[in-house]
């Protein structure tokens, strides 16, 4: 009786799928790091904080600052 050894030839080393997974994981880690970095540098929220904005009052060149209707558009 003869022993037959069948060694199939190499079908090539297709590692592109592994590289794609590695790149996706790297992108996720970088985006998560940027998100964490920007969130950690943000000012903490203060409950009950009041934001006060002082707007100038007085005359402008349109109606003297009275809040009148807007001028008609140029034709």
PDB file of N, CA and C in Angstrom:
ATOM      1  N   UNK A   1       0.842  -1.151   0.000  1.00  0.00           N
ATOM      2  CA  UNK A   1       0.000   0.000   0.000  1.00  0.00           C
ATOM      3  C   UNK A   1       0.901   1.232   0.000  1.00  0.00           C
ATOM      4  N   UNK A   2       0.502   2.220  -0.789  1.00  0.00           N
ATOM      5  CA  UNK A   2       1.292   3.432  -0.930  1.00  0.00           C
ATOM      6  C   UNK A   2       0.681   4.543  -0.090  1.00  0.00           C
ATOM      7  N   UNK A   3       1.509   5.352   0.501  1.00  0.00           N
ATOM      8  CA  UNK A   3       1.055   6.496   1.276  1.00  0.00           C
ATOM      9  C   UNK A   3       1.128   7.724   0.388  1.00  0.00           C
ATOM     10  N   UNK A   4       0.021   8.408   0.275  1.00  0.00           N
ATOM     11  CA  UNK A   4      -0.029   9.603  -0.544  1.00  0.00           C
ATOM     12  C   UNK A   4      -0.048  10.820   0.369  1.00  0.00           C
ATOM     13  N   UNK A   5       0.885  11.717   0.207  1.00  0.00           N
ATOM     14  CA  UNK A   5       0.961  12.949   0.982  1.00  0.00           C
ATOM     15  C   UNK A   5       0.602  14.083   0.034  1.00  0.00           C
ATOM     16  N   UNK A   6      -0.445  14.777   0.371  1.00  0.00           N
ATOM     17  CA  UNK A   6      -0.895  15.882  -0.466  1.00  0.00           C
ATOM     18  C   UNK A   6      -0.671  17.192   0.282  1.00  0.00           C
ATOM     19  N   UNK A   7       0.303  17.949  -0.131  1.00  0.00           N
ATOM     20  CA  UNK A   7       0.592  19.258   0.468  1.00  0.00           C
ATOM     21  C   UNK A   7       0.099  20.325  -0.504  1.00  0.00           C
ATOM     22  N   UNK A   8      -1.042  20.935  -0.192  1.00  0.00           N
ATOM     23  CA  UNK A   8      -1.530  21.954  -1.119  1.00  0.00           C
ATOM     24  C   UNK A   8      -0.579  23.145  -1.128  1.00  0.00           C
ATOM     25  N   UNK A   9      -0.483  23.773  -2.276  1.00  0.00           N
ATOM     26  CA  UNK A   9       0.402  24.920  -2.407  1.00  0.00           C
ATOM     27  C   UNK A   9      -0.100  26.094  -1.589  1.00  0.00           C
ATOM     28  N   UNK A  10       0.784  26.993  -1.315  1.00  0.00           N
ATOM     29  CA  UNK A  10       0.436  28.178  -0.550  1.00  0.00           C
ATOM     30  C   UNK A  10      -0.524  29.047  -1.366  1.00  0.00           C
ATOM     31  N   UNK A  11      -1.582  29.479  -0.744  1.00  0.00           N
ATOM     32  CA  UNK A  11      -2.571  30.304  -1.432  1.00  0.00           C
ATOM     33  C   UNK A  11      -2.301  31.784  -1.213  1.00  0.00           C
ATOM     34  N   UNK A  12      -1.164  32.110  -0.791  1.00  0.00           N
ATOM     35  CA  UNK A  12      -0.824  33.512  -0.546  1.00  0.00           C
ATOM     36  C   UNK A  12      -1.215  33.906   0.866  1.00  0.00           C
ATOM     37  N   UNK A  13      -0.548  34.888   1.349  1.00  0.00           N
ATOM     38  CA  UNK A  13      -0.805  35.353   2.710  1.00  0.00           C
ATOM     39  C   UNK A  13      -1.628  36.627   2.619  1.00  0.00           C
ATOM     40  N   UNK A  14      -2.924  36.480   2.793  1.00  0.00           N
ATOM     41  CA  UNK A  14      -3.819  37.631   2.667  1.00  0.00           C
ATOM     42  C   UNK A  14      -4.004  38.263   4.043  1.00  0.00           C
ATOM     43  N   UNK A  15      -3.175  39.253   4.349  1.00  0.00           N
ATOM     44  CA  UNK A  15      -3.249  39.894   5.659  1.00  0.00           C
ATOM     45  C   UNK A  15      -3.928  41.253   5.575  1.00  0.00           C
ATOM     46  N   UNK A  16      -4.555  41.563   4.452  1.00  0.00           N
ATOM     47  CA  UNK A  16      -5.199  42.868   4.334  1.00  0.00           C
ATOM     48  C   UNK A  16      -6.388  42.998   5.280  1.00  0.00           C
ATOM     49  N   UNK A  17      -7.075  41.895   5.556  1.00  0.00           N
ATOM     50  CA  UNK A  17      -8.193  41.954   6.499  1.00  0.00           C
ATOM     51  C   UNK A  17      -7.684  42.281   7.904  1.00  0.00           C
ATOM     52  N   UNK A  18      -6.572  41.744   8.273  1.00  0.00           N
ATOM     53  CA  UNK A  18      -5.983  42.037   9.579  1.00  0.00           C
ATOM     54  C   UNK A  18      -5.568  43.494   9.687  1.00  0.00           C
ATOM     55  N   UNK A  19      -5.015  44.035   8.615  1.00  0.00           N
ATOM     56  CA  UNK A  19      -4.632  45.444   8.616  1.00  0.00           C
ATOM     57  C   UNK A  19      -5.863  46.332   8.690  1.00  0.00           C
ATOM     58  N   UNK A  20      -6.935  45.949   8.005  1.00  0.00           N
ATOM     59  CA  UNK A  20      -8.163  46.751   8.045  1.00  0.00           C
ATOM     60  C   UNK A  20      -8.717  46.800   9.469  1.00  0.00           C
ATOM     61  N   UNK A  21      -8.723  45.674  10.141  1.00  0.00           N
ATOM     62  CA  UNK A  21      -9.204  45.635  11.525  1.00  0.00           C
ATOM     63  C   UNK A  21      -8.300  46.481  12.416  1.00  0.00           C
ATOM     64  N   UNK A  22      -7.007  46.401  12.213  1.00  0.00           N
ATOM     65  CA  UNK A  22      -6.074  47.185  13.025  1.00  0.00           C
ATOM     66  C   UNK A  22      -6.279  48.684  12.813  1.00  0.00           C
ATOM     67  N   UNK A  23      -6.506  49.100  11.576  1.00  0.00           N
ATOM     68  CA  UNK A  23      -6.723  50.522  11.290  1.00  0.00           C
ATOM     69  C   UNK A  23      -8.030  50.996  11.916  1.00  0.00           C
ATOM     70  N   UNK A  24      -9.075  50.185  11.834  1.00  0.00           N
ATOM     71  CA  UNK A  24     -10.365  50.563  12.441  1.00  0.00           C
ATOM     72  C   UNK A  24     -10.225  50.701  13.944  1.00  0.00           C
ATOM     73  N   UNK A  25      -9.554  49.764  14.574  1.00  0.00           N
ATOM     74  CA  UNK A  25      -9.364  49.840  16.028  1.00  0.00           C
ATOM     75  C   UNK A  25      -8.532  51.066  16.391  1.00  0.00           C
ATOM     76  N   UNK A  26      -7.505  51.350  15.607  1.00  0.00           N
ATOM     77  CA  UNK A  26      -6.678  52.533  15.868  1.00  0.00           C
ATOM     78  C   UNK A  26      -7.494  53.812  15.741  1.00  0.00           C
ATOM     79  N   UNK A  27      -8.337  53.903  14.721  1.00  0.00           N
ATOM     80  CA  UNK A  27      -9.186  55.084  14.558  1.00  0.00           C
ATOM     81  C   UNK A  27     -10.149  55.246  15.731  1.00  0.00           C
ATOM     82  N   UNK A  28     -10.735  54.148  16.180  1.00  0.00           N
ATOM     83  CA  UNK A  28     -11.652  54.221  17.321  1.00  0.00           C
ATOM     84  C   UNK A  28     -10.921  54.710  18.568  1.00  0.00           C
ATOM     85  N   UNK A  29      -9.719  54.219  18.787  1.00  0.00           N
ATOM     86  CA  UNK A  29      -8.945  54.641  19.961  1.00  0.00           C
ATOM     87  C   UNK A  29      -8.585  56.130  19.860  1.00  0.00           C
ATOM     88  N   UNK A  30      -8.199  56.598  18.676  1.00  0.00           N
ATOM     89  CA  UNK A  30      -7.828  58.003  18.514  1.00  0.00           C
ATOM     90  C   UNK A  30      -9.042  58.897  18.713  1.00  0.00           C
ATOM     91  N   UNK A  31     -10.181  58.541  18.117  1.00  0.00           N
ATOM     92  CA  UNK A  31     -11.389  59.362  18.276  1.00  0.00           C
ATOM     93  C   UNK A  31     -11.845  59.367  19.731  1.00  0.00           C
ATOM     94  N   UNK A  32     -11.801  58.233  20.395  1.00  0.00           N
ATOM     95  CA  UNK A  32     -12.176  58.188  21.809  1.00  0.00           C
ATOM     96  C   UNK A  32     -11.223  59.040  22.655  1.00  0.00           C
ATOM     97  N   UNK A  33      -9.940  59.027  22.328  1.00  0.00           N
ATOM     98  CA  UNK A  33      -8.972  59.846  23.058  1.00  0.00           C
ATOM     99  C   UNK A  33      -9.219  61.325  22.853  1.00  0.00           C
ATOM    100  N   UNK A  34      -9.534  61.732  21.634  1.00  0.00           N
ATOM    101  CA  UNK A  34      -9.839  63.145  21.372  1.00  0.00           C
ATOM    102  C   UNK A  34     -11.103  63.552  22.111  1.00  0.00           C
ATOM    103  N   UNK A  35     -12.125  62.708  22.071  1.00  0.00           N
ATOM    104  CA  UNK A  35     -13.367  63.006  22.787  1.00  0.00           C
ATOM    105  C   UNK A  35     -13.115  63.140  24.285  1.00  0.00           C
ATOM    106  N   UNK A  36     -12.364  62.222  24.855  1.00  0.00           N
ATOM    107  CA  UNK A  36     -12.076  62.268  26.288  1.00  0.00           C
ATOM    108  C   UNK A  36     -11.258  63.516  26.621  1.00  0.00           C
ATOM    109  N   UNK A  37     -10.285  63.865  25.781  1.00  0.00           N
ATOM    110  CA  UNK A  37      -9.431  65.023  26.036  1.00  0.00           C
ATOM    111  C   UNK A  37     -10.240  66.317  26.014  1.00  0.00           C
ATOM    112  N   UNK A  38     -11.134  66.459  25.029  1.00  0.00           N
ATOM    113  CA  UNK A  38     -11.930  67.689  24.963  1.00  0.00           C
ATOM    114  C   UNK A  38     -12.944  67.753  26.098  1.00  0.00           C
ATOM    115  N   UNK A  39     -13.498  66.622  26.497  1.00  0.00           N
ATOM    116  CA  UNK A  39     -14.453  66.627  27.611  1.00  0.00           C
ATOM    117  C   UNK A  39     -13.760  66.908  28.937  1.00  0.00           C
ATOM    118  N   UNK A  40     -12.541  66.461  29.114  1.00  0.00           N
ATOM    119  CA  UNK A  40     -11.849  66.675  30.386  1.00  0.00           C
ATOM    120  C   UNK A  40     -11.366  68.115  30.511  1.00  0.00           C
ATOM    121  N   UNK A  41     -11.191  68.814  29.388  1.00  0.00           N
ATOM    122  CA  UNK A  41     -10.738  70.207  29.445  1.00  0.00           C
ATOM    123  C   UNK A  41     -11.887  71.194  29.527  1.00  0.00           C
ATOM    124  N   UNK A  42     -13.116  70.754  29.344  1.00  0.00           N
ATOM    125  CA  UNK A  42     -14.270  71.653  29.376  1.00  0.00           C
ATOM    126  C   UNK A  42     -14.492  72.149  30.806  1.00  0.00           C
ATOM    127  N   UNK A  43     -15.013  73.349  30.905  1.00  0.00           N
ATOM    128  CA  UNK A  43     -15.305  73.905  32.225  1.00  0.00           C
ATOM    129  C   UNK A  43     -16.437  73.108  32.863  1.00  0.00           C
ATOM    130  N   UNK A  44     -16.323  72.823  34.133  1.00  0.00           N
ATOM    131  CA  UNK A  44     -17.382  72.060  34.788  1.00  0.00           C
ATOM    132  C   UNK A  44     -18.672  72.877  34.865  1.00  0.00           C
ATOM    133  N   UNK A  45     -19.771  72.183  34.741  1.00  0.00           N
ATOM    134  CA  UNK A  45     -21.066  72.855  34.804  1.00  0.00           C
ATOM    135  C   UNK A  45     -21.349  73.285  36.241  1.00  0.00           C
ATOM    136  N   UNK A  46     -21.795  74.516  36.394  1.00  0.00           N
ATOM    137  CA  UNK A  46     -22.136  75.031  37.712  1.00  0.00           C
ATOM    138  C   UNK A  46     -23.648  75.154  37.804  1.00  0.00           C
ATOM    139  N   UNK A  47     -24.283  74.355  38.626  1.00  0.00           N
ATOM    140  CA  UNK A  47     -25.734  74.470  38.744  1.00  0.00           C
ATOM    141  C   UNK A  47     -26.117  75.825  39.331  1.00  0.00           C
ATOM    142  N   UNK A  48     -27.080  76.459  38.727  1.00  0.00           N
ATOM    143  CA  UNK A  48     -27.544  77.747  39.217  1.00  0.00           C
ATOM    144  C   UNK A  48     -26.699  78.920  38.774  1.00  0.00           C
ATOM    145  N   UNK A  49     -25.748  78.700  37.877  1.00  0.00           N
ATOM    146  CA  UNK A  49     -24.905  79.796  37.415  1.00  0.00           C
ATOM    147  C   UNK A  49     -25.725  80.737  36.540  1.00  0.00           C
ATOM    148  N   UNK A  50     -25.461  82.012  36.665  1.00  0.00           N
ATOM    149  CA  UNK A  50     -26.167  83.023  35.890  1.00  0.00           C
ATOM    150  C   UNK A  50     -25.190  83.682  34.941  1.00  0.00           C
ATOM    151  N   UNK A  51     -25.567  83.745  33.684  1.00  0.00           N
ATOM    152  CA  UNK A  51     -24.748  84.422  32.680  1.00  0.00           C
ATOM    153  C   UNK A  51     -25.381  85.776  32.430  1.00  0.00           C
ATOM    154  N   UNK A  52     -24.623  86.823  32.683  1.00  0.00           N
ATOM    155  CA  UNK A  52     -25.137  88.170  32.519  1.00  0.00           C
ATOM    156  C   UNK A  52     -24.439  88.819  31.335  1.00  0.00           C
ATOM    157  N   UNK A  53     -25.239  89.290  30.373  1.00  0.00           N
ATOM    158  CA  UNK A  53     -24.714  89.942  29.187  1.00  0.00           C
ATOM    159  C   UNK A  53     -25.246  91.358  29.154  1.00  0.00           C
ATOM    160  N   UNK A  54     -24.354  92.330  29.096  1.00  0.00           N
ATOM    161  CA  UNK A  54     -24.746  93.727  29.015  1.00  0.00           C
ATOM    162  C   UNK A  54     -24.690  94.171  27.562  1.00  0.00           C
ATOM    163  N   UNK A  55     -25.834  94.533  27.014  1.00  0.00           N
ATOM    164  CA  UNK A  55     -25.903  94.987  25.637  1.00  0.00           C
ATOM    165  C   UNK A  55     -25.875  96.500  25.598  1.00  0.00           C
ATOM    166  N   UNK A  56     -25.191  97.043  24.606  1.00  0.00           N
ATOM    167  CA  UNK A  56     -25.162  98.501  24.517  1.00  0.00           C
ATOM    168  C   UNK A  56     -26.534  99.050  24.119  1.00  0.00           C
ATOM    169  N   UNK A  57     -26.837 100.211  24.634  1.00  0.00           N
ATOM    170  CA  UNK A  57     -28.077 100.874  24.266  1.00  0.00           C
ATOM    171  C   UNK A  57     -27.716 102.174  23.572  1.00  0.00           C
ATOM    172  N   UNK A  58     -28.673 102.729  22.874  1.00  0.00           N
ATOM    173  CA  UNK A  58     -28.395 104.022  22.278  1.00  0.00           C
ATOM    174  C   UNK A  58     -28.480 103.962  20.777  1.00  0.00           C
ATOM    175  N   UNK A  59     -28.102 105.062  20.202  1.00  0.00           N
ATOM    176  CA  UNK A  59     -28.344 105.282  18.794  1.00  0.00           C
ATOM    177  C   UNK A  59     -27.466 104.486  17.873  1.00  0.00           C
ATOM    178  N   UNK A  60     -28.091 104.006  16.856  1.00  0.00           N
ATOM    179  CA  UNK A  60     -27.372 103.488  15.716  1.00  0.00           C
ATOM    180  C   UNK A  60     -27.777 104.357  14.528  1.00  0.00           C
ATOM    181  N   UNK A  61     -27.375 104.054  13.358  1.00  0.00           N
ATOM    182  CA  UNK A  61     -27.682 104.909  12.227  1.00  0.00           C
ATOM    183  C   UNK A  61     -29.027 104.602  11.594  1.00  0.00           C
ATOM    184  N   UNK A  62     -29.720 103.580  12.057  1.00  0.00           N
ATOM    185  CA  UNK A  62     -31.034 103.227  11.511  1.00  0.00           C
ATOM    186  C   UNK A  62     -32.098 103.489  12.569  1.00  0.00           C
ATOM    187  N   UNK A  63     -32.875 104.544  12.414  1.00  0.00           N
ATOM    188  CA  UNK A  63     -33.989 104.875  13.301  1.00  0.00           C
ATOM    189  C   UNK A  63     -33.543 105.255  14.701  1.00  0.00           C
ATOM    190  N   UNK A  64     -32.305 105.560  14.894  1.00  0.00           N
ATOM    191  CA  UNK A  64     -31.866 106.035  16.198  1.00  0.00           C
ATOM    192  C   UNK A  64     -31.918 104.990  17.296  1.00  0.00           C
ATOM    193  N   UNK A  65     -31.910 103.728  16.954  1.00  0.00           N
ATOM    194  CA  UNK A  65     -31.920 102.688  17.966  1.00  0.00           C
ATOM    195  C   UNK A  65     -33.276 102.498  18.620  1.00  0.00           C
ATOM    196  N   UNK A  66     -34.344 102.899  17.961  1.00  0.00           N
ATOM    197  CA  UNK A  66     -35.671 102.792  18.570  1.00  0.00           C
ATOM    198  C   UNK A  66     -36.301 101.432  18.321  1.00  0.00           C
ATOM    199  N   UNK A  67     -35.683 100.609  17.520  1.00  0.00           N
ATOM    200  CA  UNK A  67     -36.263  99.302  17.255  1.00  0.00           C
ATOM    201  C   UNK A  67     -37.366  99.364  16.211  1.00  0.00           C
ATOM    202  N   UNK A  68     -37.322 100.330  15.341  1.00  0.00           N
ATOM    203  CA  UNK A  68     -38.331 100.472  14.308  1.00  0.00           C
ATOM    204  C   UNK A  68     -38.208  99.387  13.254  1.00  0.00           C
ATOM    205  N   UNK A  69     -39.068  99.460  12.241  1.00  0.00           N
ATOM    206  CA  UNK A  69     -39.032  98.425  11.200  1.00  0.00           C
ATOM    207  C   UNK A  69     -37.736  98.523  10.373  1.00  0.00           C
ATOM    208  N   UNK A  70     -37.370  97.400   9.802  1.00  0.00           N
ATOM    209  CA  UNK A  70     -36.168  97.354   8.993  1.00  0.00           C
ATOM    210  C   UNK A  70     -36.389  98.118   7.696  1.00  0.00           C
ATOM    211  N   UNK A  71     -35.346  98.727   7.174  1.00  0.00           N
ATOM    212  CA  UNK A  71     -35.493  99.445   5.914  1.00  0.00           C
ATOM    213  C   UNK A  71     -35.790  98.482   4.772  1.00  0.00           C
ATOM    214  N   UNK A  72     -36.456  98.979   3.741  1.00  0.00           N
ATOM    215  CA  UNK A  72     -36.789  98.139   2.601  1.00  0.00           C
ATOM    216  C   UNK A  72     -35.527  97.775   1.846  1.00  0.00           C
ATOM    217  N   UNK A  73     -35.470  96.572   1.297  1.00  0.00           N
ATOM    218  CA  UNK A  73     -34.266  96.170   0.578  1.00  0.00           C
ATOM    219  C   UNK A  73     -34.091  96.987  -0.709  1.00  0.00           C
ATOM    220  N   UNK A  74     -32.858  97.175  -1.105  1.00  0.00           N
ATOM    221  CA  UNK A  74     -32.560  97.939  -2.310  1.00  0.00           C
ATOM    222  C   UNK A  74     -33.032  97.177  -3.543  1.00  0.00           C
ATOM    223  N   UNK A  75     -33.536  97.912  -4.508  1.00  0.00           N
ATOM    224  CA  UNK A  75     -34.054  97.241  -5.705  1.00  0.00           C
ATOM    225  C   UNK A  75     -33.124  97.394  -6.861  1.00  0.00           C
TER     226      UNK A  75
END
